[in-house]
Amino acid sequence: MNKSTLRAATKAMGFRTAALGIAVLSWLCSDAALAADAAAGRAKAQACAVCHGPLGLSVQPDAPNLAGQPAIFLANQLRAYRSGERRHEVMSIMAKPLSDDDIDNLAAWFASVRVEAHAPP
């Protein structure tokens, strides 16, 4: 095998390795990788319904919709409220007693709610 063939083979292997790494990383960051219990999250979300609605569709003008948000995003935000890294008068209190499992389950529940968007005519 000459040098140019060896370089080409090494380069191709590097691309395959990078692609595999990206695929694994994507899976690890996906909702499926959280292995959370959406049904338990739905039960726990009753306290959230006052502001965010029973399906995560906000009923308050200053509360965001949670339905359809990525689980990893929701979990990160709840953990930030719980730790005090992110502050909100109500959310800081609501998140404080949540366990990691509670947070993952809530995130799985709201992420499982499908939202459909339509562009205006």
C-alpha atoms as a PDB file:
ATOM      1  CA  MET A   1       0.000   0.000   0.000  1.00  0.00           C
ATOM      2  CA  ASN A   2       1.501   3.333  -1.017  1.00  0.00           C
ATOM      3  CA  LYS A   3       1.440   6.517   1.090  1.00  0.00           C
ATOM      4  CA  SER A   4      -1.460   8.183  -0.754  1.00  0.00           C
ATOM      5  CA  THR A   5      -3.648   5.061  -0.428  1.00  0.00           C
ATOM      6  CA  LEU A   6      -2.769   4.809   3.266  1.00  0.00           C
ATOM      7  CA  ARG A   7      -3.605   8.497   3.799  1.00  0.00           C
ATOM      8  CA  ALA A   8      -6.950   8.088   2.001  1.00  0.00           C
ATOM      9  CA  ALA A   9      -7.811   4.994   4.068  1.00  0.00           C
ATOM     10  CA  THR A  10      -6.861   6.756   7.314  1.00  0.00           C
ATOM     11  CA  LYS A  11      -8.923   9.810   6.352  1.00  0.00           C
ATOM     12  CA  ALA A  12     -11.977   7.660   5.507  1.00  0.00           C
ATOM     13  CA  MET A  13     -11.636   5.789   8.798  1.00  0.00           C
ATOM     14  CA  GLY A  14     -11.448   9.112  10.636  1.00  0.00           C
ATOM     15  CA  PHE A  15     -14.696  10.268   9.025  1.00  0.00           C
ATOM     16  CA  ARG A  16     -16.422   6.987   9.960  1.00  0.00           C
ATOM     17  CA  THR A  17     -15.163   7.259  13.525  1.00  0.00           C
ATOM     18  CA  ALA A  18     -16.366  10.860  13.759  1.00  0.00           C
ATOM     19  CA  ALA A  19     -19.762   9.894  12.334  1.00  0.00           C
ATOM     20  CA  LEU A  20     -20.074   7.074  14.856  1.00  0.00           C
ATOM     21  CA  GLY A  21     -19.128   9.444  17.676  1.00  0.00           C
ATOM     22  CA  ILE A  22     -21.745  11.966  16.568  1.00  0.00           C
ATOM     23  CA  ALA A  23     -24.394   9.235  16.367  1.00  0.00           C
ATOM     24  CA  VAL A  24     -23.605   8.015  19.886  1.00  0.00           C
ATOM     25  CA  LEU A  25     -23.584  11.564  21.249  1.00  0.00           C
ATOM     26  CA  SER A  26     -26.935  12.290  19.578  1.00  0.00           C
ATOM     27  CA  TRP A  27     -28.435   9.175  21.140  1.00  0.00           C
ATOM     28  CA  LEU A  28     -27.097  10.075  24.577  1.00  0.00           C
ATOM     29  CA  CYS A  29     -28.703  13.525  24.316  1.00  0.00           C
ATOM     30  CA  SER A  30     -32.011  12.194  23.013  1.00  0.00           C
ATOM     31  CA  ASP A  31     -35.214  11.811  24.983  1.00  0.00           C
ATOM     32  CA  ALA A  32     -34.911   8.024  24.713  1.00  0.00           C
ATOM     33  CA  ALA A  33     -31.612   8.070  26.584  1.00  0.00           C
ATOM     34  CA  LEU A  34     -33.185   9.718  29.619  1.00  0.00           C
ATOM     35  CA  ALA A  35     -35.093   6.479  30.399  1.00  0.00           C
ATOM     36  CA  ALA A  36     -37.635   8.477  32.352  1.00  0.00           C
ATOM     37  CA  ASP A  37     -41.228   7.623  33.203  1.00  0.00           C
ATOM     38  CA  ALA A  38     -43.605   9.959  31.365  1.00  0.00           C
ATOM     39  CA  ALA A  39     -46.624   8.524  33.231  1.00  0.00           C
ATOM     40  CA  ALA A  40     -45.018   9.376  36.578  1.00  0.00           C
ATOM     41  CA  GLY A  41     -44.168  12.796  35.162  1.00  0.00           C
ATOM     42  CA  ARG A  42     -47.793  13.336  34.167  1.00  0.00           C
ATOM     43  CA  ALA A  43     -48.923  12.616  37.734  1.00  0.00           C
ATOM     44  CA  LYS A  44     -46.251  14.931  39.147  1.00  0.00           C
ATOM     45  CA  ALA A  45     -47.178  17.668  36.638  1.00  0.00           C
ATOM     46  CA  GLN A  46     -50.510  18.347  38.332  1.00  0.00           C
ATOM     47  CA  ALA A  47     -48.786  21.062  40.348  1.00  0.00           C
ATOM     48  CA  CYS A  48     -47.505  22.618  37.104  1.00  0.00           C
ATOM     49  CA  ALA A  49     -50.987  22.819  35.574  1.00  0.00           C
ATOM     50  CA  VAL A  50     -51.938  25.967  37.482  1.00  0.00           C
ATOM     51  CA  CYS A  51     -49.623  28.073  35.321  1.00  0.00           C
ATOM     52  CA  HIS A  52     -48.559  25.798  32.464  1.00  0.00           C
ATOM     53  CA  GLY A  53     -51.881  24.014  31.858  1.00  0.00           C
ATOM     54  CA  PRO A  54     -52.618  20.283  32.239  1.00  0.00           C
ATOM     55  CA  LEU A  55     -50.880  19.453  28.953  1.00  0.00           C
ATOM     56  CA  GLY A  56     -48.126  22.034  29.258  1.00  0.00           C
ATOM     57  CA  LEU A  57     -49.960  24.610  27.142  1.00  0.00           C
ATOM     58  CA  SER A  58     -49.756  27.765  29.211  1.00  0.00           C
ATOM     59  CA  VAL A  59     -52.846  29.312  30.772  1.00  0.00           C
ATOM     60  CA  GLN A  60     -50.950  32.322  32.145  1.00  0.00           C
ATOM     61  CA  PRO A  61     -49.626  35.102  29.882  1.00  0.00           C
ATOM     62  CA  ASP A  62     -46.188  35.068  31.528  1.00  0.00           C
ATOM     63  CA  ALA A  63     -45.731  31.272  31.751  1.00  0.00           C
ATOM     64  CA  PRO A  64     -44.116  29.442  28.814  1.00  0.00           C
ATOM     65  CA  ASN A  65     -45.570  26.424  27.055  1.00  0.00           C
ATOM     66  CA  LEU A  66     -43.794  23.254  28.151  1.00  0.00           C
ATOM     67  CA  ALA A  67     -45.526  20.824  25.796  1.00  0.00           C
ATOM     68  CA  GLY A  68     -43.281  19.497  23.070  1.00  0.00           C
ATOM     69  CA  GLN A  69     -40.086  21.006  24.451  1.00  0.00           C
ATOM     70  CA  PRO A  70     -37.053  18.684  24.331  1.00  0.00           C
ATOM     71  CA  ALA A  71     -36.707  16.678  27.545  1.00  0.00           C
ATOM     72  CA  ILE A  72     -33.037  17.586  27.949  1.00  0.00           C
ATOM     73  CA  PHE A  73     -33.889  21.312  27.774  1.00  0.00           C
ATOM     74  CA  LEU A  74     -36.703  21.010  30.333  1.00  0.00           C
ATOM     75  CA  ALA A  75     -34.580  18.919  32.686  1.00  0.00           C
ATOM     76  CA  ASN A  76     -31.690  21.394  32.480  1.00  0.00           C
ATOM     77  CA  GLN A  77     -33.992  24.335  33.236  1.00  0.00           C
ATOM     78  CA  LEU A  78     -35.616  22.601  36.217  1.00  0.00           C
ATOM     79  CA  ARG A  79     -32.203  21.696  37.611  1.00  0.00           C
ATOM     80  CA  ALA A  80     -31.080  25.302  37.170  1.00  0.00           C
ATOM     81  CA  TYR A  81     -34.142  26.546  39.101  1.00  0.00           C
ATOM     82  CA  ARG A  82     -33.548  23.920  41.801  1.00  0.00           C
ATOM     83  CA  SER A  83     -29.889  24.883  42.257  1.00  0.00           C
ATOM     84  CA  GLY A  84     -30.556  28.634  42.179  1.00  0.00           C
ATOM     85  CA  GLU A  85     -28.497  29.068  39.008  1.00  0.00           C
ATOM     86  CA  ARG A  86     -31.701  30.310  37.376  1.00  0.00           C
ATOM     87  CA  ARG A  87     -34.087  32.386  39.463  1.00  0.00           C
ATOM     88  CA  HIS A  88     -37.828  32.910  39.341  1.00  0.00           C
ATOM     89  CA  GLU A  89     -39.982  33.644  42.377  1.00  0.00           C
ATOM     90  CA  VAL A  90     -42.365  30.728  41.801  1.00  0.00           C
ATOM     91  CA  MET A  91     -40.229  28.267  39.843  1.00  0.00           C
ATOM     92  CA  SER A  92     -37.396  28.351  42.359  1.00  0.00           C
ATOM     93  CA  ILE A  93     -39.853  27.242  45.054  1.00  0.00           C
ATOM     94  CA  MET A  94     -41.520  24.638  42.820  1.00  0.00           C
ATOM     95  CA  ALA A  95     -38.240  23.054  41.711  1.00  0.00           C
ATOM     96  CA  LYS A  96     -36.505  22.992  45.095  1.00  0.00           C
ATOM     97  CA  PRO A  97     -38.059  19.706  46.367  1.00  0.00           C
ATOM     98  CA  LEU A  98     -37.812  17.847  43.046  1.00  0.00           C
ATOM     99  CA  SER A  99     -35.506  14.840  42.871  1.00  0.00           C
ATOM    100  CA  ASP A 100     -33.474  14.051  39.757  1.00  0.00           C
ATOM    101  CA  ASP A 101     -35.999  11.316  38.921  1.00  0.00           C
ATOM    102  CA  ASP A 102     -38.902  13.767  39.362  1.00  0.00           C
ATOM    103  CA  ILE A 103     -37.207  16.201  36.992  1.00  0.00           C
ATOM    104  CA  ASP A 104     -36.474  13.526  34.386  1.00  0.00           C
ATOM    105  CA  ASN A 105     -40.046  12.232  34.604  1.00  0.00           C
ATOM    106  CA  LEU A 106     -41.560  15.711  34.263  1.00  0.00           C
ATOM    107  CA  ALA A 107     -39.299  16.429  31.316  1.00  0.00           C
ATOM    108  CA  ALA A 108     -40.292  13.122  29.684  1.00  0.00           C
ATOM    109  CA  TRP A 109     -43.992  13.900  30.161  1.00  0.00           C
ATOM    110  CA  PHE A 110     -43.917  17.383  28.668  1.00  0.00           C
ATOM    111  CA  ALA A 111     -41.609  16.265  25.846  1.00  0.00           C
ATOM    112  CA  SER A 112     -44.047  13.475  24.971  1.00  0.00           C
ATOM    113  CA  VAL A 113     -46.906  15.930  24.367  1.00  0.00           C
ATOM    114  CA  ARG A 114     -46.994  16.642  20.645  1.00  0.00           C
ATOM    115  CA  VAL A 115     -47.655  20.189  19.483  1.00  0.00           C
ATOM    116  CA  GLU A 116     -48.529  21.081  15.924  1.00  0.00           C
ATOM    117  CA  ALA A 117     -47.655  24.471  14.462  1.00  0.00           C
ATOM    118  CA  HIS A 118     -49.314  26.118  11.490  1.00  0.00           C
ATOM    119  CA  ALA A 119     -48.021  29.171   9.682  1.00  0.00           C
ATOM    120  CA  PRO A 120     -50.560  31.951   9.193  1.00  0.00           C
ATOM    121  CA  PRO A 121     -52.035  32.279   5.700  1.00  0.00           C
END
